[in-house]
PDB file of N, CA and C in Angstrom:
ATOM      1  N   MET A   1       0.817  -1.198   0.000  1.00  0.00           N
ATOM      2  CA  MET A   1       0.000   0.000   0.000  1.00  0.00           C
ATOM      3  C   MET A   1       0.862   1.263   0.000  1.00  0.00           C
ATOM      4  N   LEU A   2       2.148   1.139   0.184  1.00  0.00           N
ATOM      5  CA  LEU A   2       3.000   2.317   0.211  1.00  0.00           C
ATOM      6  C   LEU A   2       2.986   3.076  -1.108  1.00  0.00           C
ATOM      7  N   MET A   3       2.878   2.365  -2.227  1.00  0.00           N
ATOM      8  CA  MET A   3       2.883   3.027  -3.522  1.00  0.00           C
ATOM      9  C   MET A   3       1.624   3.854  -3.749  1.00  0.00           C
ATOM     10  N   SER A   4       0.538   3.530  -3.043  1.00  0.00           N
ATOM     11  CA  SER A   4      -0.716   4.253  -3.237  1.00  0.00           C
ATOM     12  C   SER A   4      -0.899   5.379  -2.227  1.00  0.00           C
ATOM     13  N   GLN A   5       0.086   5.603  -1.389  1.00  0.00           N
ATOM     14  CA  GLN A   5      -0.008   6.645  -0.377  1.00  0.00           C
ATOM     15  C   GLN A   5      -0.097   8.022  -1.036  1.00  0.00           C
ATOM     16  N   GLY A   6      -1.124   8.787  -0.635  1.00  0.00           N
ATOM     17  CA  GLY A   6      -1.305  10.120  -1.176  1.00  0.00           C
ATOM     18  C   GLY A   6      -2.066  10.160  -2.488  1.00  0.00           C
ATOM     19  N   ARG A   7      -2.446   9.018  -2.998  1.00  0.00           N
ATOM     20  CA  ARG A   7      -3.150   8.948  -4.276  1.00  0.00           C
ATOM     21  C   ARG A   7      -4.617   8.590  -4.027  1.00  0.00           C
ATOM     22  N   PRO A   8      -5.552   9.222  -4.745  1.00  0.00           N
ATOM     23  CA  PRO A   8      -6.959   8.855  -4.577  1.00  0.00           C
ATOM     24  C   PRO A   8      -7.234   7.456  -5.132  1.00  0.00           C
ATOM     25  N   ALA A   9      -8.083   6.730  -4.440  1.00  0.00           N
ATOM     26  CA  ALA A   9      -8.500   5.403  -4.884  1.00  0.00           C
ATOM     27  C   ALA A   9      -9.700   5.542  -5.806  1.00  0.00           C
ATOM     28  N   ARG A  10      -9.899   4.545  -6.650  1.00  0.00           N
ATOM     29  CA  ARG A  10     -11.135   4.434  -7.438  1.00  0.00           C
ATOM     30  C   ARG A  10     -11.913   3.275  -6.862  1.00  0.00           C
ATOM     31  N   LEU A  11     -13.181   3.523  -6.507  1.00  0.00           N
ATOM     32  CA  LEU A  11     -13.991   2.508  -5.843  1.00  0.00           C
ATOM     33  C   LEU A  11     -15.269   2.229  -6.593  1.00  0.00           C
ATOM     34  N   MET A  12     -15.804   1.027  -6.389  1.00  0.00           N
ATOM     35  CA  MET A  12     -17.161   0.701  -6.803  1.00  0.00           C
ATOM     36  C   MET A  12     -17.956   0.641  -5.510  1.00  0.00           C
ATOM     37  N   TYR A  13     -18.973   1.488  -5.393  1.00  0.00           N
ATOM     38  CA  TYR A  13     -19.759   1.582  -4.167  1.00  0.00           C
ATOM     39  C   TYR A  13     -20.905   0.589  -4.216  1.00  0.00           C
ATOM     40  N   LEU A  14     -20.977  -0.255  -3.198  1.00  0.00           N
ATOM     41  CA  LEU A  14     -21.987  -1.301  -3.090  1.00  0.00           C
ATOM     42  C   LEU A  14     -22.891  -0.993  -1.904  1.00  0.00           C
ATOM     43  N   ALA A  15     -23.974  -1.743  -1.765  1.00  0.00           N
ATOM     44  CA  ALA A  15     -24.941  -1.493  -0.695  1.00  0.00           C
ATOM     45  C   ALA A  15     -24.326  -1.633   0.697  1.00  0.00           C
ATOM     46  N   ASN A  16     -23.425  -2.571   0.884  1.00  0.00           N
ATOM     47  CA  ASN A  16     -22.859  -2.814   2.219  1.00  0.00           C
ATOM     48  C   ASN A  16     -21.356  -2.645   2.281  1.00  0.00           C
ATOM     49  N   GLY A  17     -20.808  -1.910   1.353  1.00  0.00           N
ATOM     50  CA  GLY A  17     -19.366  -1.721   1.340  1.00  0.00           C
ATOM     51  C   GLY A  17     -18.923  -1.183  -0.004  1.00  0.00           C
ATOM     52  N   PHE A  18     -17.640  -1.350  -0.282  1.00  0.00           N
ATOM     53  CA  PHE A  18     -17.117  -0.895  -1.565  1.00  0.00           C
ATOM     54  C   PHE A  18     -16.006  -1.828  -2.005  1.00  0.00           C
ATOM     55  N   ARG A  19     -15.773  -1.831  -3.302  1.00  0.00           N
ATOM     56  CA  ARG A  19     -14.707  -2.634  -3.896  1.00  0.00           C
ATOM     57  C   ARG A  19     -13.673  -1.674  -4.454  1.00  0.00           C
ATOM     58  N   ILE A  20     -12.413  -1.942  -4.173  1.00  0.00           N
ATOM     59  CA  ILE A  20     -11.326  -1.100  -4.666  1.00  0.00           C
ATOM     60  C   ILE A  20     -10.994  -1.497  -6.100  1.00  0.00           C
ATOM     61  N   LEU A  21     -11.139  -0.551  -7.013  1.00  0.00           N
ATOM     62  CA  LEU A  21     -10.830  -0.776  -8.423  1.00  0.00           C
ATOM     63  C   LEU A  21      -9.418  -0.316  -8.757  1.00  0.00           C
ATOM     64  N   ALA A  22      -8.959   0.755  -8.102  1.00  0.00           N
ATOM     65  CA  ALA A  22      -7.599   1.263  -8.265  1.00  0.00           C
ATOM     66  C   ALA A  22      -7.101   1.675  -6.888  1.00  0.00           C
ATOM     67  N   GLN A  23      -5.940   1.173  -6.513  1.00  0.00           N
ATOM     68  CA  GLN A  23      -5.387   1.426  -5.187  1.00  0.00           C
ATOM     69  C   GLN A  23      -5.175   2.911  -4.925  1.00  0.00           C
ATOM     70  N   GLY A  24      -5.414   3.297  -3.692  1.00  0.00           N
ATOM     71  CA  GLY A  24      -5.194   4.647  -3.205  1.00  0.00           C
ATOM     72  C   GLY A  24      -5.493   4.658  -1.721  1.00  0.00           C
ATOM     73  N   ASP A  25      -5.266   5.780  -1.069  1.00  0.00           N
ATOM     74  CA  ASP A  25      -5.510   5.829   0.373  1.00  0.00           C
ATOM     75  C   ASP A  25      -6.684   6.723   0.754  1.00  0.00           C
ATOM     76  N   HIS A  26      -7.325   7.358  -0.260  1.00  0.00           N
ATOM     77  CA  HIS A  26      -8.456   8.238   0.038  1.00  0.00           C
ATOM     78  C   HIS A  26      -9.343   8.395  -1.196  1.00  0.00           C
ATOM     79  N   VAL A  27     -10.511   8.975  -0.971  1.00  0.00           N
ATOM     80  CA  VAL A  27     -11.398   9.401  -2.062  1.00  0.00           C
ATOM     81  C   VAL A  27     -11.718  10.867  -1.830  1.00  0.00           C
ATOM     82  N   ILE A  28     -12.276  11.511  -2.834  1.00  0.00           N
ATOM     83  CA  ILE A  28     -12.636  12.921  -2.731  1.00  0.00           C
ATOM     84  C   ILE A  28     -14.156  13.029  -2.635  1.00  0.00           C
ATOM     85  N   CYS A  29     -14.645  13.716  -1.597  1.00  0.00           N
ATOM     86  CA  CYS A  29     -16.076  13.913  -1.410  1.00  0.00           C
ATOM     87  C   CYS A  29     -16.655  14.599  -2.639  1.00  0.00           C
ATOM     88  N   ALA A  30     -17.755  14.034  -3.151  1.00  0.00           N
ATOM     89  CA  ALA A  30     -18.375  14.548  -4.377  1.00  0.00           C
ATOM     90  C   ALA A  30     -18.964  15.937  -4.210  1.00  0.00           C
ATOM     91  N   LYS A  31     -19.303  16.339  -3.003  1.00  0.00           N
ATOM     92  CA  LYS A  31     -19.936  17.641  -2.775  1.00  0.00           C
ATOM     93  C   LYS A  31     -18.990  18.680  -2.198  1.00  0.00           C
ATOM     94  N   SER A  32     -18.160  18.288  -1.218  1.00  0.00           N
ATOM     95  CA  SER A  32     -17.304  19.269  -0.543  1.00  0.00           C
ATOM     96  C   SER A  32     -15.889  19.336  -1.103  1.00  0.00           C
ATOM     97  N   GLY A  33     -15.464  18.283  -1.792  1.00  0.00           N
ATOM     98  CA  GLY A  33     -14.099  18.238  -2.305  1.00  0.00           C
ATOM     99  C   GLY A  33     -13.072  17.823  -1.269  1.00  0.00           C
ATOM    100  N   ALA A  34     -13.525  17.467  -0.066  1.00  0.00           N
ATOM    101  CA  ALA A  34     -12.613  17.068   1.005  1.00  0.00           C
ATOM    102  C   ALA A  34     -12.092  15.649   0.766  1.00  0.00           C
ATOM    103  N   ALA A  35     -10.836  15.426   1.117  1.00  0.00           N
ATOM    104  CA  ALA A  35     -10.269  14.083   1.048  1.00  0.00           C
ATOM    105  C   ALA A  35     -10.792  13.265   2.232  1.00  0.00           C
ATOM    106  N   VAL A  36     -11.205  12.029   1.959  1.00  0.00           N
ATOM    107  CA  VAL A  36     -11.720  11.129   2.995  1.00  0.00           C
ATOM    108  C   VAL A  36     -10.899   9.842   2.917  1.00  0.00           C
ATOM    109  N   SER A  37     -10.204   9.501   3.996  1.00  0.00           N
ATOM    110  CA  SER A  37      -9.416   8.269   3.986  1.00  0.00           C
ATOM    111  C   SER A  37     -10.345   7.073   3.848  1.00  0.00           C
ATOM    112  N   LEU A  38      -9.854   6.009   3.249  1.00  0.00           N
ATOM    113  CA  LEU A  38     -10.681   4.818   3.081  1.00  0.00           C
ATOM    114  C   LEU A  38     -11.102   4.255   4.437  1.00  0.00           C
ATOM    115  N   GLU A  39     -10.261   4.405   5.444  1.00  0.00           N
ATOM    116  CA  GLU A  39     -10.590   3.928   6.784  1.00  0.00           C
ATOM    117  C   GLU A  39     -11.751   4.716   7.392  1.00  0.00           C
ATOM    118  N   ALA A  40     -11.890   5.982   7.013  1.00  0.00           N
ATOM    119  CA  ALA A  40     -12.935   6.841   7.575  1.00  0.00           C
ATOM    120  C   ALA A  40     -14.191   6.908   6.697  1.00  0.00           C
ATOM    121  N   LEU A  41     -14.141   6.345   5.495  1.00  0.00           N
ATOM    122  CA  LEU A  41     -15.259   6.441   4.557  1.00  0.00           C
ATOM    123  C   LEU A  41     -16.459   5.643   5.062  1.00  0.00           C
ATOM    124  N   ARG A  42     -17.571   6.330   5.299  1.00  0.00           N
ATOM    125  CA  ARG A  42     -18.792   5.698   5.803  1.00  0.00           C
ATOM    126  C   ARG A  42     -20.026   6.035   4.973  1.00  0.00           C
ATOM    127  N   TYR A  43     -19.942   7.055   4.123  1.00  0.00           N
ATOM    128  CA  TYR A  43     -21.126   7.539   3.418  1.00  0.00           C
ATOM    129  C   TYR A  43     -20.876   7.620   1.922  1.00  0.00           C
ATOM    130  N   TRP A  44     -21.798   7.028   1.138  1.00  0.00           N
ATOM    131  CA  TRP A  44     -21.703   7.078  -0.316  1.00  0.00           C
ATOM    132  C   TRP A  44     -23.062   6.776  -0.912  1.00  0.00           C
ATOM    133  N   SER A  45     -23.178   7.033  -2.201  1.00  0.00           N
ATOM    134  CA  SER A  45     -24.397   6.722  -2.943  1.00  0.00           C
ATOM    135  C   SER A  45     -24.090   5.599  -3.920  1.00  0.00           C
ATOM    136  N   VAL A  46     -24.820   4.494  -3.793  1.00  0.00           N
ATOM    137  CA  VAL A  46     -24.664   3.386  -4.730  1.00  0.00           C
ATOM    138  C   VAL A  46     -25.177   3.814  -6.100  1.00  0.00           C
ATOM    139  N   THR A  47     -26.302   4.512  -6.130  1.00  0.00           N
ATOM    140  CA  THR A  47     -26.915   4.940  -7.388  1.00  0.00           C
ATOM    141  C   THR A  47     -26.035   5.916  -8.153  1.00  0.00           C
ATOM    142  N   LYS A  48     -25.535   6.929  -7.449  1.00  0.00           N
ATOM    143  CA  LYS A  48     -24.707   7.956  -8.093  1.00  0.00           C
ATOM    144  C   LYS A  48     -23.233   7.556  -8.178  1.00  0.00           C
ATOM    145  N   GLN A  49     -22.836   6.508  -7.417  1.00  0.00           N
ATOM    146  CA  GLN A  49     -21.448   6.065  -7.358  1.00  0.00           C
ATOM    147  C   GLN A  49     -20.526   7.215  -6.973  1.00  0.00           C
ATOM    148  N   GLU A  50     -20.869   7.887  -5.835  1.00  0.00           N
ATOM    149  CA  GLU A  50     -20.033   8.975  -5.342  1.00  0.00           C
ATOM    150  C   GLU A  50     -19.942   8.940  -3.818  1.00  0.00           C
ATOM    151  N   PRO A  51     -18.773   9.309  -3.277  1.00  0.00           N
ATOM    152  CA  PRO A  51     -18.550   9.313  -1.831  1.00  0.00           C
ATOM    153  C   PRO A  51     -18.873  10.664  -1.205  1.00  0.00           C
ATOM    154  N   TYR A  52     -19.156  10.642   0.104  1.00  0.00           N
ATOM    155  CA  TYR A  52     -19.442  11.866   0.856  1.00  0.00           C
ATOM    156  C   TYR A  52     -18.627  11.870   2.136  1.00  0.00           C
ATOM    157  N   ALA A  53     -18.225  13.052   2.564  1.00  0.00           N
ATOM    158  CA  ALA A  53     -17.372  13.199   3.741  1.00  0.00           C
ATOM    159  C   ALA A  53     -18.140  13.020   5.053  1.00  0.00           C
ATOM    160  N   THR A  54     -19.404  13.435   5.099  1.00  0.00           N
ATOM    161  CA  THR A  54     -20.171  13.376   6.349  1.00  0.00           C
ATOM    162  C   THR A  54     -21.595  12.898   6.087  1.00  0.00           C
ATOM    163  N   ALA A  55     -22.275  12.535   7.164  1.00  0.00           N
ATOM    164  CA  ALA A  55     -23.680  12.126   7.072  1.00  0.00           C
ATOM    165  C   ALA A  55     -24.541  13.285   6.597  1.00  0.00           C
ATOM    166  N   GLU A  56     -24.235  14.482   7.039  1.00  0.00           N
ATOM    167  CA  GLU A  56     -25.019  15.657   6.642  1.00  0.00           C
ATOM    168  C   GLU A  56     -24.919  15.902   5.142  1.00  0.00           C
ATOM    169  N   ILE A  57     -23.718  15.769   4.603  1.00  0.00           N
ATOM    170  CA  ILE A  57     -23.525  15.962   3.169  1.00  0.00           C
ATOM    171  C   ILE A  57     -24.246  14.866   2.393  1.00  0.00           C
ATOM    172  N   ALA A  58     -24.173  13.625   2.868  1.00  0.00           N
ATOM    173  CA  ALA A  58     -24.856  12.508   2.211  1.00  0.00           C
ATOM    174  C   ALA A  58     -26.367  12.702   2.217  1.00  0.00           C
ATOM    175  N   ALA A  59     -26.915  13.166   3.343  1.00  0.00           N
ATOM    176  CA  ALA A  59     -28.368  13.397   3.444  1.00  0.00           C
ATOM    177  C   ALA A  59     -28.797  14.512   2.506  1.00  0.00           C
ATOM    178  N   ARG A  60     -28.020  15.579   2.450  1.00  0.00           N
ATOM    179  CA  ARG A  60     -28.326  16.693   1.558  1.00  0.00           C
ATOM    180  C   ARG A  60     -28.290  16.255   0.098  1.00  0.00           C
ATOM    181  N   ALA A  61     -27.306  15.422  -0.273  1.00  0.00           N
ATOM    182  CA  ALA A  61     -27.196  14.920  -1.639  1.00  0.00           C
ATOM    183  C   ALA A  61     -28.382  14.030  -1.983  1.00  0.00           C
ATOM    184  N   ALA A  62     -28.862  13.252  -1.017  1.00  0.00           N
ATOM    185  CA  ALA A  62     -30.004  12.374  -1.251  1.00  0.00           C
ATOM    186  C   ALA A  62     -31.281  13.182  -1.479  1.00  0.00           C
ATOM    187  N   VAL A  63     -31.441  14.265  -0.737  1.00  0.00           N
ATOM    188  CA  VAL A  63     -32.630  15.111  -0.883  1.00  0.00           C
ATOM    189  C   VAL A  63     -32.586  15.870  -2.205  1.00  0.00           C
ATOM    190  N   GLU A  64     -31.404  16.331  -2.584  1.00  0.00           N
ATOM    191  CA  GLU A  64     -31.249  17.077  -3.834  1.00  0.00           C
ATOM    192  C   GLU A  64     -31.510  16.200  -5.055  1.00  0.00           C
ATOM    193  N   GLY A  65     -31.291  14.910  -4.891  1.00  0.00           N
ATOM    194  CA  GLY A  65     -31.542  13.987  -6.000  1.00  0.00           C
ATOM    195  C   GLY A  65     -30.449  13.876  -6.918  1.00  0.00           C
TER     196      GLY A  65
END
């Protein structure tokens, strides 16, 4: 994992988790642009295939459609 340090990962977001498609140590929140470590990633949209930094951002994205 040392080679992927500092690089964003590419993920496939599933209902109960995610699959790593390209190694990295973080993803970028689709709404705020904040980096979210894979260890801290808890919120995403399976339909939109995008990650969110916080529950509030995820809820807002769900309401916006």
